[in-house]
Amino acid sequence: MFQGFPEIKEALISNTMQAGFMVAPMAMALWSQGVPIKIVYLGHRYGSAFVVRNNGPIKTFPDLRGRVVAIPTRFSDERLIVFRALKKYGMTAKDIRMVEMPPPDVAGALAAGAIDAFSMGEPYPAQAEMGGYGRILFKARDLWPDYMSCVLVVRQDMIDKRPEAVQALVDGIARSGLWLEKGRPYREDAADFVGRFYYHQDPRLLRWALTNPLDRVMYTPLTPFKPDFELVRDLMLETGTLDHSIEFNEYVDIKFAEGAKSKTAWAYEPGGLEAR
């Protein structure tokens, strides 16, 4: 498990990792810089939010003038959300100070007053809410209805040499997403299992992020859609994180998502012992 997106980037470049999740703008930027990867699937939709201190001085977005806002990386959808908000309220990037910060650090930084707000994916907004010191000013979907964040990227040599393994990975993610969308008991069971055995986080935090409300993070549809990525590309060009235009079919390999469309949710009930 990595603490931040730069470490994932380096692992992919060095071929110590052949597949992984990262934010879409970073994947697109890496491909544009010659890193041999392709986007093959989405990790989720929605699930990012802009958080300010609870009972603090920030009541509306324009109140952030002169304040410090943390983002995970300049190559992130969460940064693009901030730019969309700036544009909506007639502000520019010069009106605030954006700082890059590893996602696990932002909730503590907000509580300590080291930052005034953060734009991050879950479970960090949930962590700030549960701790009582954070309040969601707006969710990503409020400014970006078809918002996506994390994507699954795979090295090109893995796609070329072991396409069946890539398809099995995408199929498993597709089935897991459909399973999570079956309702609250399934999300709560996933939060308990993943919190205890994988992320080593308090399952209550993951339950909050997955169920408060149920559509806070969505796991369908996960097929990469061209208009979504063209919007990200255009925002990257506008905000200076991409220096030339790139085309969807160049950095996305859609065949694995197409191959997963016939898949169904895992045949597993919460509390069971085996998934089929």
C-alpha atoms as a PDB file:
ATOM      1  CA  MET A   1       0.000   0.000   0.000  1.00  0.00           C
ATOM      2  CA  PHE A   2       1.317   3.432  -0.974  1.00  0.00           C
ATOM      3  CA  GLN A   3       0.939   6.640   1.013  1.00  0.00           C
ATOM      4  CA  GLY A   4       0.603   8.921  -1.994  1.00  0.00           C
ATOM      5  CA  PHE A   5       0.256   9.074  -5.752  1.00  0.00           C
ATOM      6  CA  PRO A   6       3.911   9.989  -6.510  1.00  0.00           C
ATOM      7  CA  GLU A   7       5.027   6.636  -5.087  1.00  0.00           C
ATOM      8  CA  ILE A   8       2.543   4.814  -7.332  1.00  0.00           C
ATOM      9  CA  LYS A   9       3.881   6.772 -10.299  1.00  0.00           C
ATOM     10  CA  GLU A  10       7.479   5.769  -9.572  1.00  0.00           C
ATOM     11  CA  ALA A  11       6.530   2.113  -9.047  1.00  0.00           C
ATOM     12  CA  LEU A  12       4.868   2.002 -12.459  1.00  0.00           C
ATOM     13  CA  ILE A  13       7.760   3.744 -14.194  1.00  0.00           C
ATOM     14  CA  SER A  14      10.321   1.377 -12.638  1.00  0.00           C
ATOM     15  CA  ASN A  15       8.159  -1.687 -13.401  1.00  0.00           C
ATOM     16  CA  THR A  16       8.086  -2.721  -9.747  1.00  0.00           C
ATOM     17  CA  MET A  17       4.297  -2.550 -10.109  1.00  0.00           C
ATOM     18  CA  GLN A  18       2.431  -3.539 -13.256  1.00  0.00           C
ATOM     19  CA  ALA A  19      -1.053  -2.255 -12.435  1.00  0.00           C
ATOM     20  CA  GLY A  20      -2.570   0.133  -9.945  1.00  0.00           C
ATOM     21  CA  PHE A  21      -5.104   2.835  -9.190  1.00  0.00           C
ATOM     22  CA  MET A  22      -4.227   6.486  -9.559  1.00  0.00           C
ATOM     23  CA  VAL A  23      -6.034   9.733 -10.239  1.00  0.00           C
ATOM     24  CA  ALA A  24      -6.994  10.187 -13.881  1.00  0.00           C
ATOM     25  CA  PRO A  25      -4.978  13.373 -14.596  1.00  0.00           C
ATOM     26  CA  MET A  26      -1.774  11.751 -13.346  1.00  0.00           C
ATOM     27  CA  ALA A  27      -2.348   8.710 -15.552  1.00  0.00           C
ATOM     28  CA  MET A  28      -2.982  10.933 -18.566  1.00  0.00           C
ATOM     29  CA  ALA A  29       0.079  13.077 -17.836  1.00  0.00           C
ATOM     30  CA  LEU A  30       2.294  10.005 -17.437  1.00  0.00           C
ATOM     31  CA  TRP A  31       1.133   8.614 -20.767  1.00  0.00           C
ATOM     32  CA  SER A  32       1.742  11.979 -22.451  1.00  0.00           C
ATOM     33  CA  GLN A  33       5.297  11.909 -21.044  1.00  0.00           C
ATOM     34  CA  GLY A  34       6.012   8.505 -22.593  1.00  0.00           C
ATOM     35  CA  VAL A  35       5.353   6.164 -19.670  1.00  0.00           C
ATOM     36  CA  PRO A  36       4.063   2.904 -21.223  1.00  0.00           C
ATOM     37  CA  ILE A  37       0.682   2.583 -19.476  1.00  0.00           C
ATOM     38  CA  LYS A  38      -2.974   2.511 -20.477  1.00  0.00           C
ATOM     39  CA  ILE A  39      -6.135   3.309 -18.573  1.00  0.00           C
ATOM     40  CA  VAL A  40      -8.379   0.239 -18.686  1.00  0.00           C
ATOM     41  CA  TYR A  41     -11.133   0.872 -16.095  1.00  0.00           C
ATOM     42  CA  LEU A  42     -12.395   3.240 -13.416  1.00  0.00           C
ATOM     43  CA  GLY A  43     -12.048   2.656  -9.691  1.00  0.00           C
ATOM     44  CA  HIS A  44     -15.234   4.498  -8.722  1.00  0.00           C
ATOM     45  CA  ARG A  45     -17.305   7.580  -9.414  1.00  0.00           C
ATOM     46  CA  TYR A  46     -17.842  10.521  -7.066  1.00  0.00           C
ATOM     47  CA  GLY A  47     -16.211  10.090  -3.649  1.00  0.00           C
ATOM     48  CA  SER A  48     -14.310  13.406  -3.470  1.00  0.00           C
ATOM     49  CA  ALA A  49     -15.242  16.491  -1.496  1.00  0.00           C
ATOM     50  CA  PHE A  50     -14.066  19.954  -0.477  1.00  0.00           C
ATOM     51  CA  VAL A  51     -13.774  20.166   3.305  1.00  0.00           C
ATOM     52  CA  VAL A  52     -13.388  23.171   5.646  1.00  0.00           C
ATOM     53  CA  ARG A  53     -13.076  23.440   9.418  1.00  0.00           C
ATOM     54  CA  ASN A  54     -16.317  22.917  11.263  1.00  0.00           C
ATOM     55  CA  ASN A  55     -17.471  26.103  12.994  1.00  0.00           C
ATOM     56  CA  GLY A  56     -14.599  27.946  11.316  1.00  0.00           C
ATOM     57  CA  PRO A  57     -14.620  31.243   9.406  1.00  0.00           C
ATOM     58  CA  ILE A  58     -15.169  29.653   5.970  1.00  0.00           C
ATOM     59  CA  LYS A  59     -18.893  29.694   5.246  1.00  0.00           C
ATOM     60  CA  THR A  60     -18.778  30.048   1.459  1.00  0.00           C
ATOM     61  CA  PHE A  61     -16.104  29.385  -1.145  1.00  0.00           C
ATOM     62  CA  PRO A  62     -15.220  33.103  -1.625  1.00  0.00           C
ATOM     63  CA  ASP A  63     -14.321  33.206   2.083  1.00  0.00           C
ATOM     64  CA  LEU A  64     -11.196  31.247   1.120  1.00  0.00           C
ATOM     65  CA  ARG A  65      -9.452  34.294  -0.351  1.00  0.00           C
ATOM     66  CA  GLY A  66      -5.920  34.304   1.032  1.00  0.00           C
ATOM     67  CA  ARG A  67      -6.372  30.891   2.652  1.00  0.00           C
ATOM     68  CA  VAL A  68      -4.476  27.594   2.306  1.00  0.00           C
ATOM     69  CA  VAL A  69      -6.118  24.695   0.450  1.00  0.00           C
ATOM     70  CA  ALA A  70      -4.532  21.222   0.347  1.00  0.00           C
ATOM     71  CA  ILE A  71      -4.745  18.958  -2.694  1.00  0.00           C
ATOM     72  CA  PRO A  72      -3.240  15.465  -3.159  1.00  0.00           C
ATOM     73  CA  THR A  73      -1.134  16.440  -6.195  1.00  0.00           C
ATOM     74  CA  ARG A  74      -1.245  18.987  -8.988  1.00  0.00           C
ATOM     75  CA  PHE A  75      -2.058  16.045 -11.263  1.00  0.00           C
ATOM     76  CA  SER A  76      -5.402  15.297  -9.607  1.00  0.00           C
ATOM     77  CA  ASP A  77      -9.100  15.655 -10.257  1.00  0.00           C
ATOM     78  CA  GLU A  78      -9.340  17.214  -6.803  1.00  0.00           C
ATOM     79  CA  ARG A  79      -7.202  20.120  -8.015  1.00  0.00           C
ATOM     80  CA  LEU A  80      -9.428  20.486 -11.067  1.00  0.00           C
ATOM     81  CA  ILE A  81     -12.459  20.670  -8.760  1.00  0.00           C
ATOM     82  CA  VAL A  82     -10.862  23.662  -7.039  1.00  0.00           C
ATOM     83  CA  PHE A  83     -10.363  25.371 -10.401  1.00  0.00           C
ATOM     84  CA  ARG A  84     -13.994  24.746 -11.312  1.00  0.00           C
ATOM     85  CA  ALA A  85     -15.054  26.339  -8.025  1.00  0.00           C
ATOM     86  CA  LEU A  86     -12.728  29.296  -8.579  1.00  0.00           C
ATOM     87  CA  LYS A  87     -14.253  29.879 -12.000  1.00  0.00           C
ATOM     88  CA  LYS A  88     -17.805  29.579 -10.664  1.00  0.00           C
ATOM     89  CA  TYR A  89     -17.189  32.282  -8.069  1.00  0.00           C
ATOM     90  CA  GLY A  90     -15.218  34.631 -10.310  1.00  0.00           C
ATOM     91  CA  MET A  91     -11.900  33.923  -8.598  1.00  0.00           C
ATOM     92  CA  THR A  92      -8.466  32.860  -9.836  1.00  0.00           C
ATOM     93  CA  ALA A  93      -5.718  30.602  -8.506  1.00  0.00           C
ATOM     94  CA  LYS A  94      -3.973  33.715  -7.167  1.00  0.00           C
ATOM     95  CA  ASP A  95      -6.804  34.210  -4.671  1.00  0.00           C
ATOM     96  CA  ILE A  96      -5.862  31.107  -2.655  1.00  0.00           C
ATOM     97  CA  ARG A  97      -2.703  29.148  -1.865  1.00  0.00           C
ATOM     98  CA  MET A  98      -2.841  25.519  -2.975  1.00  0.00           C
ATOM     99  CA  VAL A  99      -0.383  23.112  -1.364  1.00  0.00           C
ATOM    100  CA  GLU A 100       0.247  19.463  -2.191  1.00  0.00           C
ATOM    101  CA  MET A 101      -0.133  17.114   0.762  1.00  0.00           C
ATOM    102  CA  PRO A 102      -0.260  13.308   1.121  1.00  0.00           C
ATOM    103  CA  PRO A 103      -3.931  12.381   1.578  1.00  0.00           C
ATOM    104  CA  PRO A 104      -3.417  10.636   4.965  1.00  0.00           C
ATOM    105  CA  ASP A 105      -2.090  13.923   6.402  1.00  0.00           C
ATOM    106  CA  VAL A 106      -4.883  16.315   5.470  1.00  0.00           C
ATOM    107  CA  ALA A 107      -7.436  15.605   8.177  1.00  0.00           C
ATOM    108  CA  GLY A 108      -4.849  16.126  10.934  1.00  0.00           C
ATOM    109  CA  ALA A 109      -3.585  19.276   9.239  1.00  0.00           C
ATOM    110  CA  LEU A 110      -7.115  20.667   9.100  1.00  0.00           C
ATOM    111  CA  ALA A 111      -7.707  19.844  12.769  1.00  0.00           C
ATOM    112  CA  ALA A 112      -4.426  21.532  13.743  1.00  0.00           C
ATOM    113  CA  GLY A 113      -5.190  24.658  11.708  1.00  0.00           C
ATOM    114  CA  ALA A 114      -2.216  24.129   9.385  1.00  0.00           C
ATOM    115  CA  ILE A 115      -4.566  24.350   6.409  1.00  0.00           C
ATOM    116  CA  ASP A 116      -7.940  26.003   5.965  1.00  0.00           C
ATOM    117  CA  ALA A 117      -9.494  23.460   3.617  1.00  0.00           C
ATOM    118  CA  PHE A 118      -8.740  20.407   1.543  1.00  0.00           C
ATOM    119  CA  SER A 119     -10.002  18.840  -1.665  1.00  0.00           C
ATOM    120  CA  MET A 120      -9.583  15.064  -1.373  1.00  0.00           C
ATOM    121  CA  GLY A 121     -11.107  11.687  -2.040  1.00  0.00           C
ATOM    122  CA  GLU A 122     -12.558   9.398   0.593  1.00  0.00           C
ATOM    123  CA  PRO A 123     -12.083   8.367   3.322  1.00  0.00           C
ATOM    124  CA  TYR A 124     -10.416  11.654   4.325  1.00  0.00           C
ATOM    125  CA  PRO A 125     -13.534  13.844   4.126  1.00  0.00           C
ATOM    126  CA  ALA A 126     -15.288  11.197   6.219  1.00  0.00           C
ATOM    127  CA  GLN A 127     -12.404  11.231   8.712  1.00  0.00           C
ATOM    128  CA  ALA A 128     -12.735  14.987   9.200  1.00  0.00           C
ATOM    129  CA  GLU A 129     -16.506  14.723   9.556  1.00  0.00           C
ATOM    130  CA  MET A 130     -16.334  11.878  12.070  1.00  0.00           C
ATOM    131  CA  GLY A 131     -13.700  13.728  14.057  1.00  0.00           C
ATOM    132  CA  GLY A 132     -16.063  16.673  14.420  1.00  0.00           C
ATOM    133  CA  TYR A 133     -13.585  19.238  13.086  1.00  0.00           C
ATOM    134  CA  GLY A 134     -14.436  19.063   9.374  1.00  0.00           C
ATOM    135  CA  ARG A 135     -17.462  20.035   7.331  1.00  0.00           C
ATOM    136  CA  ILE A 136     -18.086  19.332   3.654  1.00  0.00           C
ATOM    137  CA  LEU A 137     -18.497  22.643   1.852  1.00  0.00           C
ATOM    138  CA  PHE A 138     -19.409  20.884  -1.388  1.00  0.00           C
ATOM    139  CA  LYS A 139     -19.049  17.486  -2.999  1.00  0.00           C
ATOM    140  CA  ALA A 140     -17.288  17.012  -6.316  1.00  0.00           C
ATOM    141  CA  ARG A 141     -20.525  15.963  -7.977  1.00  0.00           C
ATOM    142  CA  ASP A 142     -22.066  19.352  -7.097  1.00  0.00           C
ATOM    143  CA  LEU A 143     -19.758  21.008  -9.636  1.00  0.00           C
ATOM    144  CA  TRP A 144     -19.009  17.981 -11.810  1.00  0.00           C
ATOM    145  CA  PRO A 145     -22.084  15.720 -12.275  1.00  0.00           C
ATOM    146  CA  ASP A 146     -20.210  12.856 -13.991  1.00  0.00           C
ATOM    147  CA  TYR A 147     -17.155  13.139 -11.740  1.00  0.00           C
ATOM    148  CA  MET A 148     -14.591  10.353 -11.739  1.00  0.00           C
ATOM    149  CA  SER A 149     -11.312  10.222  -9.873  1.00  0.00           C
ATOM    150  CA  CYS A 150      -9.275   7.032  -9.621  1.00  0.00           C
ATOM    151  CA  VAL A 151      -8.621   4.914 -12.700  1.00  0.00           C
ATOM    152  CA  LEU A 152      -7.022   1.519 -13.144  1.00  0.00           C
ATOM    153  CA  VAL A 153      -3.817   1.724 -15.156  1.00  0.00           C
ATOM    154  CA  VAL A 154      -1.808  -1.205 -16.501  1.00  0.00           C
ATOM    155  CA  ARG A 155       1.620  -1.237 -18.067  1.00  0.00           C
ATOM    156  CA  GLN A 156       1.566  -1.829 -21.824  1.00  0.00           C
ATOM    157  CA  ASP A 157       3.887  -4.822 -21.608  1.00  0.00           C
ATOM    158  CA  MET A 158       1.436  -6.488 -19.213  1.00  0.00           C
ATOM    159  CA  ILE A 159      -1.414  -5.817 -21.641  1.00  0.00           C
ATOM    160  CA  ASP A 160       0.611  -7.269 -24.510  1.00  0.00           C
ATOM    161  CA  LYS A 161       1.957 -10.341 -22.734  1.00  0.00           C
ATOM    162  CA  ARG A 162      -0.846 -11.260 -20.315  1.00  0.00           C
ATOM    163  CA  PRO A 163      -4.149  -9.831 -21.554  1.00  0.00           C
ATOM    164  CA  GLU A 164      -6.071 -12.646 -19.872  1.00  0.00           C
ATOM    165  CA  ALA A 165      -4.705 -11.556 -16.478  1.00  0.00           C
ATOM    166  CA  VAL A 166      -5.722  -7.948 -17.145  1.00  0.00           C
ATOM    167  CA  GLN A 167      -9.205  -9.107 -18.133  1.00  0.00           C
ATOM    168  CA  ALA A 168      -9.489 -11.178 -14.951  1.00  0.00           C
ATOM    169  CA  LEU A 169      -8.505  -8.120 -12.895  1.00  0.00           C
ATOM    170  CA  VAL A 170     -11.066  -5.884 -14.604  1.00  0.00           C
ATOM    171  CA  ASP A 171     -13.744  -8.580 -14.315  1.00  0.00           C
ATOM    172  CA  GLY A 172     -13.107  -8.854 -10.587  1.00  0.00           C
ATOM    173  CA  ILE A 173     -13.376  -5.094 -10.095  1.00  0.00           C
ATOM    174  CA  ALA A 174     -16.579  -5.003 -12.146  1.00  0.00           C
ATOM    175  CA  ARG A 175     -18.141  -7.796 -10.093  1.00  0.00           C
ATOM    176  CA  SER A 176     -17.064  -6.172  -6.833  1.00  0.00           C
ATOM    177  CA  GLY A 177     -18.624  -2.875  -7.897  1.00  0.00           C
ATOM    178  CA  LEU A 178     -21.918  -4.543  -8.772  1.00  0.00           C
ATOM    179  CA  TRP A 179     -21.823  -6.362  -5.418  1.00  0.00           C
ATOM    180  CA  LEU A 180     -21.294  -3.125  -3.493  1.00  0.00           C
ATOM    181  CA  GLU A 181     -24.218  -1.512  -5.290  1.00  0.00           C
ATOM    182  CA  LYS A 182     -26.607  -4.189  -3.944  1.00  0.00           C
ATOM    183  CA  GLY A 183     -27.192  -2.140  -0.800  1.00  0.00           C
ATOM    184  CA  ARG A 184     -26.117  -1.056   2.671  1.00  0.00           C
ATOM    185  CA  PRO A 185     -25.391  -4.511   4.166  1.00  0.00           C
ATOM    186  CA  TYR A 186     -22.912  -5.239   1.379  1.00  0.00           C
ATOM    187  CA  ARG A 187     -21.101  -1.928   1.817  1.00  0.00           C
ATOM    188  CA  GLU A 188     -20.959  -2.370   5.586  1.00  0.00           C
ATOM    189  CA  ASP A 189     -19.570  -5.890   5.212  1.00  0.00           C
ATOM    190  CA  ALA A 190     -16.909  -4.618   2.785  1.00  0.00           C
ATOM    191  CA  ALA A 191     -15.980  -1.785   5.162  1.00  0.00           C
ATOM    192  CA  ASP A 192     -15.556  -4.220   8.055  1.00  0.00           C
ATOM    193  CA  PHE A 193     -13.434  -6.674   6.090  1.00  0.00           C
ATOM    194  CA  VAL A 194     -11.249  -4.146   4.283  1.00  0.00           C
ATOM    195  CA  GLY A 195     -10.799  -1.986   7.363  1.00  0.00           C
ATOM    196  CA  ARG A 196      -9.581  -4.870   9.508  1.00  0.00           C
ATOM    197  CA  PHE A 197      -7.608  -6.966   7.045  1.00  0.00           C
ATOM    198  CA  TYR A 198      -6.386  -4.650   4.298  1.00  0.00           C
ATOM    199  CA  TYR A 199      -6.286  -0.941   5.127  1.00  0.00           C
ATOM    200  CA  HIS A 200      -5.914  -1.477   8.885  1.00  0.00           C
ATOM    201  CA  GLN A 201      -8.309   1.411   9.466  1.00  0.00           C
ATOM    202  CA  ASP A 202     -11.268   1.757  11.771  1.00  0.00           C
ATOM    203  CA  PRO A 203     -14.145   0.012   9.945  1.00  0.00           C
ATOM    204  CA  ARG A 204     -16.458   2.743  11.254  1.00  0.00           C
ATOM    205  CA  LEU A 205     -14.596   5.259   9.104  1.00  0.00           C
ATOM    206  CA  LEU A 206     -15.015   3.170   5.959  1.00  0.00           C
ATOM    207  CA  ARG A 207     -18.668   2.524   6.766  1.00  0.00           C
ATOM    208  CA  TRP A 208     -19.189   6.284   7.034  1.00  0.00           C
ATOM    209  CA  ALA A 209     -17.486   6.857   3.680  1.00  0.00           C
ATOM    210  CA  LEU A 210     -19.456   4.085   1.949  1.00  0.00           C
ATOM    211  CA  THR A 211     -22.932   4.642   3.421  1.00  0.00           C
ATOM    212  CA  ASN A 212     -23.381   8.272   4.482  1.00  0.00           C
ATOM    213  CA  PRO A 213     -25.230   8.513   2.120  1.00  0.00           C
ATOM    214  CA  LEU A 214     -25.220   5.332   0.022  1.00  0.00           C
ATOM    215  CA  ASP A 215     -24.391   7.228  -3.178  1.00  0.00           C
ATOM    216  CA  ARG A 216     -21.439   9.054  -1.629  1.00  0.00           C
ATOM    217  CA  VAL A 217     -19.163   6.754  -3.660  1.00  0.00           C
ATOM    218  CA  MET A 218     -20.566   4.875  -6.652  1.00  0.00           C
ATOM    219  CA  TYR A 219     -19.151   1.736  -8.255  1.00  0.00           C
ATOM    220  CA  THR A 220     -21.137   1.716 -11.491  1.00  0.00           C
ATOM    221  CA  PRO A 221     -20.684   2.529 -14.296  1.00  0.00           C
ATOM    222  CA  LEU A 222     -16.918   1.968 -14.359  1.00  0.00           C
ATOM    223  CA  THR A 223     -16.431   1.869 -18.122  1.00  0.00           C
ATOM    224  CA  PRO A 224     -14.197   4.748 -19.288  1.00  0.00           C
ATOM    225  CA  PHE A 225     -16.339   7.158 -21.328  1.00  0.00           C
ATOM    226  CA  LYS A 226     -14.711   9.409 -23.911  1.00  0.00           C
ATOM    227  CA  PRO A 227     -16.564  12.647 -22.941  1.00  0.00           C
ATOM    228  CA  ASP A 228     -15.454  12.283 -19.301  1.00  0.00           C
ATOM    229  CA  PHE A 229     -11.795  12.020 -20.257  1.00  0.00           C
ATOM    230  CA  GLU A 230     -12.002  14.791 -22.824  1.00  0.00           C
ATOM    231  CA  LEU A 231     -13.314  17.076 -20.090  1.00  0.00           C
ATOM    232  CA  VAL A 232     -10.381  16.148 -17.837  1.00  0.00           C
ATOM    233  CA  ARG A 233      -7.956  16.679 -20.720  1.00  0.00           C
ATOM    234  CA  ASP A 234      -9.381  20.123 -21.513  1.00  0.00           C
ATOM    235  CA  LEU A 235      -9.218  21.162 -17.842  1.00  0.00           C
ATOM    236  CA  MET A 236      -5.606  19.953 -17.648  1.00  0.00           C
ATOM    237  CA  LEU A 237      -4.701  22.003 -20.718  1.00  0.00           C
ATOM    238  CA  GLU A 238      -6.474  25.024 -19.247  1.00  0.00           C
ATOM    239  CA  THR A 239      -4.752  24.730 -15.860  1.00  0.00           C
ATOM    240  CA  GLY A 240      -1.256  23.917 -17.098  1.00  0.00           C
ATOM    241  CA  THR A 241      -0.797  20.243 -16.216  1.00  0.00           C
ATOM    242  CA  LEU A 242      -0.845  19.070 -19.837  1.00  0.00           C
ATOM    243  CA  ASP A 243       1.191  20.813 -22.516  1.00  0.00           C
ATOM    244  CA  HIS A 244      -0.437  19.259 -25.585  1.00  0.00           C
ATOM    245  CA  SER A 245      -3.714  17.627 -26.519  1.00  0.00           C
ATOM    246  CA  ILE A 246      -4.011  13.844 -26.360  1.00  0.00           C
ATOM    247  CA  GLU A 247      -6.712  11.609 -27.803  1.00  0.00           C
ATOM    248  CA  PHE A 248      -8.859   9.168 -25.826  1.00  0.00           C
ATOM    249  CA  ASN A 249      -8.005   6.105 -27.935  1.00  0.00           C
ATOM    250  CA  GLU A 250      -4.291   6.729 -27.448  1.00  0.00           C
ATOM    251  CA  TYR A 251      -4.199   6.376 -23.658  1.00  0.00           C
ATOM    252  CA  VAL A 252      -7.312   4.254 -22.974  1.00  0.00           C
ATOM    253  CA  ASP A 253      -7.694   0.579 -23.885  1.00  0.00           C
ATOM    254  CA  ILE A 254     -11.431  -0.016 -23.805  1.00  0.00           C
ATOM    255  CA  LYS A 255     -11.508  -3.716 -24.681  1.00  0.00           C
ATOM    256  CA  PHE A 256     -11.212  -4.934 -21.106  1.00  0.00           C
ATOM    257  CA  ALA A 257     -14.167  -2.815 -19.952  1.00  0.00           C
ATOM    258  CA  GLU A 258     -16.158  -4.125 -22.905  1.00  0.00           C
ATOM    259  CA  GLY A 259     -15.218  -7.654 -21.915  1.00  0.00           C
ATOM    260  CA  ALA A 260     -16.503  -7.095 -18.362  1.00  0.00           C
ATOM    261  CA  LYS A 261     -19.959  -5.790 -19.335  1.00  0.00           C
ATOM    262  CA  SER A 262     -21.577  -9.233 -19.106  1.00  0.00           C
ATOM    263  CA  LYS A 263     -20.317  -9.861 -15.583  1.00  0.00           C
ATOM    264  CA  THR A 264     -22.636 -10.105 -12.587  1.00  0.00           C
ATOM    265  CA  ALA A 265     -22.132  -9.340  -8.910  1.00  0.00           C
ATOM    266  CA  TRP A 266     -20.273 -11.852  -6.769  1.00  0.00           C
ATOM    267  CA  ALA A 267     -22.568 -14.531  -5.359  1.00  0.00           C
ATOM    268  CA  TYR A 268     -21.622 -13.731  -1.781  1.00  0.00           C
ATOM    269  CA  GLU A 269     -23.813 -12.647   1.093  1.00  0.00           C
ATOM    270  CA  PRO A 270     -22.507 -10.550   3.997  1.00  0.00           C
ATOM    271  CA  GLY A 271     -21.087 -12.852   6.642  1.00  0.00           C
ATOM    272  CA  GLY A 272     -20.537 -15.706   4.214  1.00  0.00           C
ATOM    273  CA  LEU A 273     -17.341 -17.666   3.762  1.00  0.00           C
ATOM    274  CA  GLU A 274     -17.021 -17.973  -0.012  1.00  0.00           C
ATOM    275  CA  ALA A 275     -17.574 -15.770  -3.058  1.00  0.00           C
ATOM    276  CA  ARG A 276     -18.439 -17.236  -6.451  1.00  0.00           C
END
